[in-house]
Amino acid sequence: MPRIRVEPIGIEIDAPENETVMDAVCAEGYYWPVGCARNGECTNCSMEVLSGVGRLTAMGRWERANLVRQRGLRSIEDPRLRLACQARVRGDVIVYKRGVEPE
């Protein structure tokens, strides 16, 4: 089972393979900052992937389009910027997201 580590809070959780980062973390009782219906529209759930970018599913058209719409074309130049509601785990990852906290 893949492990997700979230910094700077320092939590580690086991995640079912192919689960989104956000859903896996929230299922363990943590709040992940978001401003939409967890569908990638607001991009507030964006995270920096510190390790394991290749162990997430590839960025899809919807995620890419919303990042460009909300944050500009430069936002998709760095593969470490991903939306936690869209990126699905395939292996161990370490991500950075301020505002993640116990519910």
N, C-alpha and C. Protein backbone atom coordinates (compact mmCIF):
# COMPACT_ATOMS: atom_id res chain seq x y z
N MET A 1 0.85 -1.18 0.00
CA MET A 1 0.00 0.00 0.00
C MET A 1 0.90 1.24 0.00
N PRO A 2 0.62 2.20 -0.88
CA PRO A 2 1.43 3.42 -0.93
C PRO A 2 1.33 4.22 0.37
N ARG A 3 2.42 4.95 0.68
CA ARG A 3 2.44 5.85 1.84
C ARG A 3 2.53 7.28 1.34
N ILE A 4 1.78 8.14 2.01
CA ILE A 4 1.83 9.57 1.73
C ILE A 4 2.35 10.26 2.98
N ARG A 5 3.38 11.05 2.80
CA ARG A 5 3.87 11.90 3.89
C ARG A 5 3.51 13.34 3.51
N VAL A 6 2.91 14.07 4.46
CA VAL A 6 2.52 15.46 4.22
C VAL A 6 3.34 16.36 5.13
N GLU A 7 4.07 17.26 4.52
CA GLU A 7 4.84 18.27 5.23
C GLU A 7 4.12 19.61 5.09
N PRO A 8 4.23 20.57 5.95
CA PRO A 8 5.10 20.59 7.11
C PRO A 8 4.51 19.94 8.36
N ILE A 9 3.29 19.40 8.28
CA ILE A 9 2.67 18.81 9.45
C ILE A 9 3.37 17.51 9.88
N GLY A 10 4.01 16.82 8.94
CA GLY A 10 4.79 15.64 9.27
C GLY A 10 3.99 14.37 9.47
N ILE A 11 2.80 14.28 8.90
CA ILE A 11 2.00 13.05 9.04
C ILE A 11 2.35 12.06 7.94
N GLU A 12 2.16 10.79 8.23
CA GLU A 12 2.31 9.73 7.23
C GLU A 12 1.10 8.84 7.32
N ILE A 13 0.54 8.54 6.16
CA ILE A 13 -0.63 7.67 6.11
C ILE A 13 -0.45 6.63 5.02
N ASP A 14 -1.14 5.51 5.17
CA ASP A 14 -1.24 4.52 4.10
C ASP A 14 -2.42 4.90 3.24
N ALA A 15 -2.27 4.77 1.94
CA ALA A 15 -3.33 5.15 1.01
C ALA A 15 -3.62 4.00 0.05
N PRO A 16 -4.90 3.73 -0.20
CA PRO A 16 -5.21 2.73 -1.22
C PRO A 16 -4.66 3.17 -2.57
N GLU A 17 -4.09 2.26 -3.30
CA GLU A 17 -3.57 2.60 -4.62
C GLU A 17 -4.69 3.17 -5.48
N ASN A 18 -4.37 4.20 -6.22
CA ASN A 18 -5.26 4.91 -7.14
C ASN A 18 -6.23 5.86 -6.43
N GLU A 19 -6.06 6.08 -5.14
CA GLU A 19 -6.84 7.07 -4.40
C GLU A 19 -6.20 8.43 -4.60
N THR A 20 -7.00 9.50 -4.61
CA THR A 20 -6.39 10.83 -4.70
C THR A 20 -5.68 11.14 -3.40
N VAL A 21 -4.67 11.97 -3.48
CA VAL A 21 -3.92 12.36 -2.29
C VAL A 21 -4.88 12.98 -1.27
N MET A 22 -5.72 13.89 -1.72
CA MET A 22 -6.64 14.56 -0.82
C MET A 22 -7.62 13.59 -0.16
N ASP A 23 -8.22 12.72 -0.93
CA ASP A 23 -9.18 11.78 -0.35
C ASP A 23 -8.53 10.85 0.66
N ALA A 24 -7.32 10.40 0.36
CA ALA A 24 -6.62 9.50 1.29
C ALA A 24 -6.31 10.21 2.60
N VAL A 25 -5.84 11.44 2.54
CA VAL A 25 -5.50 12.19 3.75
C VAL A 25 -6.76 12.52 4.54
N CYS A 26 -7.81 12.95 3.86
CA CYS A 26 -9.07 13.28 4.54
C CYS A 26 -9.71 12.04 5.18
N ALA A 27 -9.56 10.89 4.57
CA ALA A 27 -10.12 9.66 5.12
C ALA A 27 -9.46 9.29 6.45
N GLU A 28 -8.27 9.82 6.69
CA GLU A 28 -7.56 9.56 7.95
C GLU A 28 -7.87 10.61 9.00
N GLY A 29 -8.83 11.50 8.71
CA GLY A 29 -9.27 12.47 9.71
C GLY A 29 -8.57 13.82 9.66
N TYR A 30 -8.01 14.17 8.51
CA TYR A 30 -7.34 15.46 8.35
C TYR A 30 -8.13 16.35 7.41
N TYR A 31 -8.01 17.64 7.64
CA TYR A 31 -8.61 18.66 6.79
C TYR A 31 -7.59 19.06 5.73
N TRP A 32 -8.01 19.12 4.47
CA TRP A 32 -7.15 19.59 3.38
C TRP A 32 -7.82 20.82 2.80
N PRO A 33 -7.16 21.98 2.78
CA PRO A 33 -7.77 23.22 2.29
C PRO A 33 -8.23 23.10 0.84
N VAL A 34 -9.48 23.46 0.62
CA VAL A 34 -10.06 23.39 -0.73
C VAL A 34 -11.18 24.41 -0.82
N GLY A 35 -11.45 24.92 -2.00
CA GLY A 35 -12.49 25.92 -2.17
C GLY A 35 -13.55 25.55 -3.18
N CYS A 36 -13.54 24.31 -3.61
CA CYS A 36 -14.56 23.86 -4.58
C CYS A 36 -15.09 22.50 -4.12
N ALA A 37 -15.73 21.78 -5.00
CA ALA A 37 -16.31 20.48 -4.65
C ALA A 37 -15.31 19.34 -4.87
N ARG A 38 -14.03 19.63 -4.66
CA ARG A 38 -12.96 18.64 -4.85
C ARG A 38 -12.91 18.12 -6.28
N ASN A 39 -13.16 19.02 -7.22
CA ASN A 39 -13.18 18.62 -8.62
C ASN A 39 -12.13 19.33 -9.46
N GLY A 40 -11.20 20.02 -8.83
CA GLY A 40 -10.09 20.63 -9.55
C GLY A 40 -10.33 22.03 -10.06
N GLU A 41 -11.49 22.59 -9.81
CA GLU A 41 -11.80 23.91 -10.37
C GLU A 41 -11.09 25.06 -9.69
N CYS A 42 -10.94 25.02 -8.36
CA CYS A 42 -10.40 26.18 -7.64
C CYS A 42 -8.88 26.20 -7.58
N THR A 43 -8.26 25.08 -7.65
CA THR A 43 -6.81 24.85 -7.51
C THR A 43 -6.27 25.17 -6.11
N ASN A 44 -7.15 25.40 -5.13
CA ASN A 44 -6.70 25.68 -3.76
C ASN A 44 -6.02 24.47 -3.13
N CYS A 45 -6.30 23.29 -3.62
CA CYS A 45 -5.71 22.08 -3.03
C CYS A 45 -4.32 21.80 -3.57
N SER A 46 -3.78 22.69 -4.38
CA SER A 46 -2.48 22.44 -5.00
C SER A 46 -1.42 22.14 -3.94
N MET A 47 -0.52 21.26 -4.31
CA MET A 47 0.55 20.82 -3.41
C MET A 47 1.84 20.76 -4.20
N GLU A 48 2.95 20.79 -3.48
CA GLU A 48 4.25 20.57 -4.11
C GLU A 48 4.66 19.15 -3.80
N VAL A 49 5.02 18.40 -4.82
CA VAL A 49 5.47 17.02 -4.63
C VAL A 49 6.98 17.07 -4.40
N LEU A 50 7.38 16.77 -3.18
CA LEU A 50 8.80 16.83 -2.82
C LEU A 50 9.54 15.58 -3.26
N SER A 51 8.85 14.46 -3.27
CA SER A 51 9.45 13.19 -3.66
C SER A 51 8.37 12.28 -4.21
N GLY A 52 8.68 11.59 -5.31
CA GLY A 52 7.76 10.60 -5.86
C GLY A 52 6.83 11.12 -6.92
N VAL A 53 7.21 12.17 -7.63
CA VAL A 53 6.33 12.71 -8.67
C VAL A 53 5.93 11.63 -9.67
N GLY A 54 6.83 10.72 -9.96
CA GLY A 54 6.54 9.64 -10.90
C GLY A 54 5.67 8.54 -10.32
N ARG A 55 5.37 8.63 -9.04
CA ARG A 55 4.51 7.64 -8.40
C ARG A 55 3.09 8.16 -8.22
N LEU A 56 2.79 9.24 -8.95
CA LEU A 56 1.42 9.76 -9.04
C LEU A 56 0.96 9.56 -10.48
N THR A 57 -0.35 9.48 -10.66
CA THR A 57 -0.86 9.40 -12.03
C THR A 57 -0.46 10.66 -12.79
N ALA A 58 -0.40 10.55 -14.09
CA ALA A 58 -0.06 11.69 -14.93
C ALA A 58 -1.13 12.76 -14.84
N MET A 59 -0.73 14.00 -15.04
CA MET A 59 -1.67 15.12 -15.02
C MET A 59 -2.62 14.98 -16.21
N GLY A 60 -3.90 15.04 -15.92
CA GLY A 60 -4.91 14.93 -16.97
C GLY A 60 -5.27 16.28 -17.57
N ARG A 61 -6.07 16.26 -18.62
CA ARG A 61 -6.46 17.50 -19.31
C ARG A 61 -7.20 18.45 -18.39
N TRP A 62 -8.09 17.94 -17.53
CA TRP A 62 -8.88 18.79 -16.64
C TRP A 62 -8.00 19.51 -15.63
N GLU A 63 -7.08 18.75 -15.01
CA GLU A 63 -6.16 19.34 -14.04
C GLU A 63 -5.29 20.40 -14.72
N ARG A 64 -4.74 20.07 -15.87
CA ARG A 64 -3.88 21.00 -16.60
C ARG A 64 -4.64 22.27 -16.99
N ALA A 65 -5.84 22.10 -17.52
CA ALA A 65 -6.63 23.25 -17.96
C ALA A 65 -6.97 24.18 -16.79
N ASN A 66 -7.32 23.61 -15.65
CA ASN A 66 -7.68 24.44 -14.51
C ASN A 66 -6.46 25.13 -13.89
N LEU A 67 -5.32 24.46 -13.87
CA LEU A 67 -4.12 25.12 -13.39
C LEU A 67 -3.77 26.32 -14.28
N VAL A 68 -3.85 26.13 -15.58
CA VAL A 68 -3.55 27.23 -16.51
C VAL A 68 -4.57 28.34 -16.34
N ARG A 69 -5.85 28.00 -16.23
CA ARG A 69 -6.90 29.01 -16.10
C ARG A 69 -6.76 29.81 -14.82
N GLN A 70 -6.43 29.14 -13.72
CA GLN A 70 -6.36 29.81 -12.42
C GLN A 70 -4.99 30.43 -12.13
N ARG A 71 -3.93 29.81 -12.63
CA ARG A 71 -2.58 30.22 -12.21
C ARG A 71 -1.65 30.58 -13.36
N GLY A 72 -2.10 30.44 -14.58
CA GLY A 72 -1.27 30.80 -15.73
C GLY A 72 -0.48 29.63 -16.29
N LEU A 73 0.00 29.81 -17.50
CA LEU A 73 0.70 28.76 -18.23
C LEU A 73 1.96 28.27 -17.50
N ARG A 74 2.61 29.16 -16.79
CA ARG A 74 3.84 28.77 -16.09
C ARG A 74 3.59 27.73 -15.01
N SER A 75 2.36 27.64 -14.53
CA SER A 75 2.04 26.71 -13.44
C SER A 75 2.24 25.26 -13.83
N ILE A 76 2.15 24.94 -15.11
CA ILE A 76 2.30 23.55 -15.53
C ILE A 76 3.71 23.22 -16.00
N GLU A 77 4.61 24.20 -15.93
CA GLU A 77 6.00 23.95 -16.31
C GLU A 77 6.73 23.13 -15.26
N ASP A 78 6.32 23.23 -14.02
CA ASP A 78 6.97 22.48 -12.93
C ASP A 78 6.12 21.25 -12.62
N PRO A 79 6.61 20.05 -12.91
CA PRO A 79 5.81 18.84 -12.68
C PRO A 79 5.53 18.56 -11.20
N ARG A 80 6.20 19.30 -10.30
CA ARG A 80 5.98 19.08 -8.87
C ARG A 80 4.71 19.74 -8.36
N LEU A 81 4.13 20.68 -9.11
CA LEU A 81 2.87 21.32 -8.72
C LEU A 81 1.72 20.45 -9.21
N ARG A 82 0.96 19.91 -8.28
CA ARG A 82 -0.17 19.05 -8.63
C ARG A 82 -1.37 19.41 -7.77
N LEU A 83 -2.54 19.06 -8.24
CA LEU A 83 -3.77 19.23 -7.48
C LEU A 83 -4.02 17.95 -6.70
N ALA A 84 -4.16 18.07 -5.38
CA ALA A 84 -4.33 16.90 -4.52
C ALA A 84 -5.64 16.18 -4.79
N CYS A 85 -6.62 16.89 -5.33
CA CYS A 85 -7.91 16.25 -5.63
C CYS A 85 -7.88 15.49 -6.96
N GLN A 86 -6.81 15.64 -7.72
CA GLN A 86 -6.71 14.98 -9.02
C GLN A 86 -5.60 13.94 -9.08
N ALA A 87 -4.49 14.19 -8.38
CA ALA A 87 -3.34 13.30 -8.42
C ALA A 87 -3.63 12.03 -7.61
N ARG A 88 -3.49 10.89 -8.26
CA ARG A 88 -3.77 9.60 -7.62
C ARG A 88 -2.45 8.88 -7.33
N VAL A 89 -2.39 8.26 -6.16
CA VAL A 89 -1.15 7.62 -5.73
C VAL A 89 -0.98 6.23 -6.34
N ARG A 90 0.25 5.97 -6.77
CA ARG A 90 0.64 4.67 -7.30
C ARG A 90 1.79 4.09 -6.50
N GLY A 91 2.36 4.94 -5.63
CA GLY A 91 3.50 4.53 -4.81
C GLY A 91 3.75 5.60 -3.75
N ASP A 92 4.81 5.44 -3.00
CA ASP A 92 5.11 6.37 -1.90
C ASP A 92 5.44 7.77 -2.41
N VAL A 93 4.88 8.78 -1.75
CA VAL A 93 5.13 10.17 -2.11
C VAL A 93 5.28 11.02 -0.85
N ILE A 94 6.00 12.12 -1.00
CA ILE A 94 6.10 13.14 0.04
C ILE A 94 5.63 14.44 -0.60
N VAL A 95 4.64 15.07 0.03
CA VAL A 95 4.08 16.30 -0.51
C VAL A 95 4.15 17.41 0.53
N TYR A 96 4.06 18.64 0.05
CA TYR A 96 4.09 19.80 0.93
C TYR A 96 2.82 20.61 0.70
N LYS A 97 2.07 20.81 1.78
CA LYS A 97 0.84 21.62 1.71
C LYS A 97 0.58 22.26 3.06
N ARG A 98 0.64 23.57 3.12
CA ARG A 98 0.29 24.28 4.34
C ARG A 98 -1.23 24.21 4.55
N GLY A 99 -1.64 24.19 5.81
CA GLY A 99 -3.05 24.20 6.13
C GLY A 99 -3.67 22.84 6.38
N VAL A 100 -2.93 21.77 6.11
CA VAL A 100 -3.44 20.43 6.44
C VAL A 100 -3.35 20.28 7.95
N GLU A 101 -4.47 19.89 8.55
CA GLU A 101 -4.50 19.78 10.02
C GLU A 101 -5.55 18.77 10.44
N PRO A 102 -5.46 18.26 11.67
CA PRO A 102 -6.47 17.32 12.16
C PRO A 102 -7.84 17.99 12.18
N GLU A 103 -8.87 17.23 11.83
CA GLU A 103 -10.23 17.77 11.86
C GLU A 103 -10.77 17.81 13.26
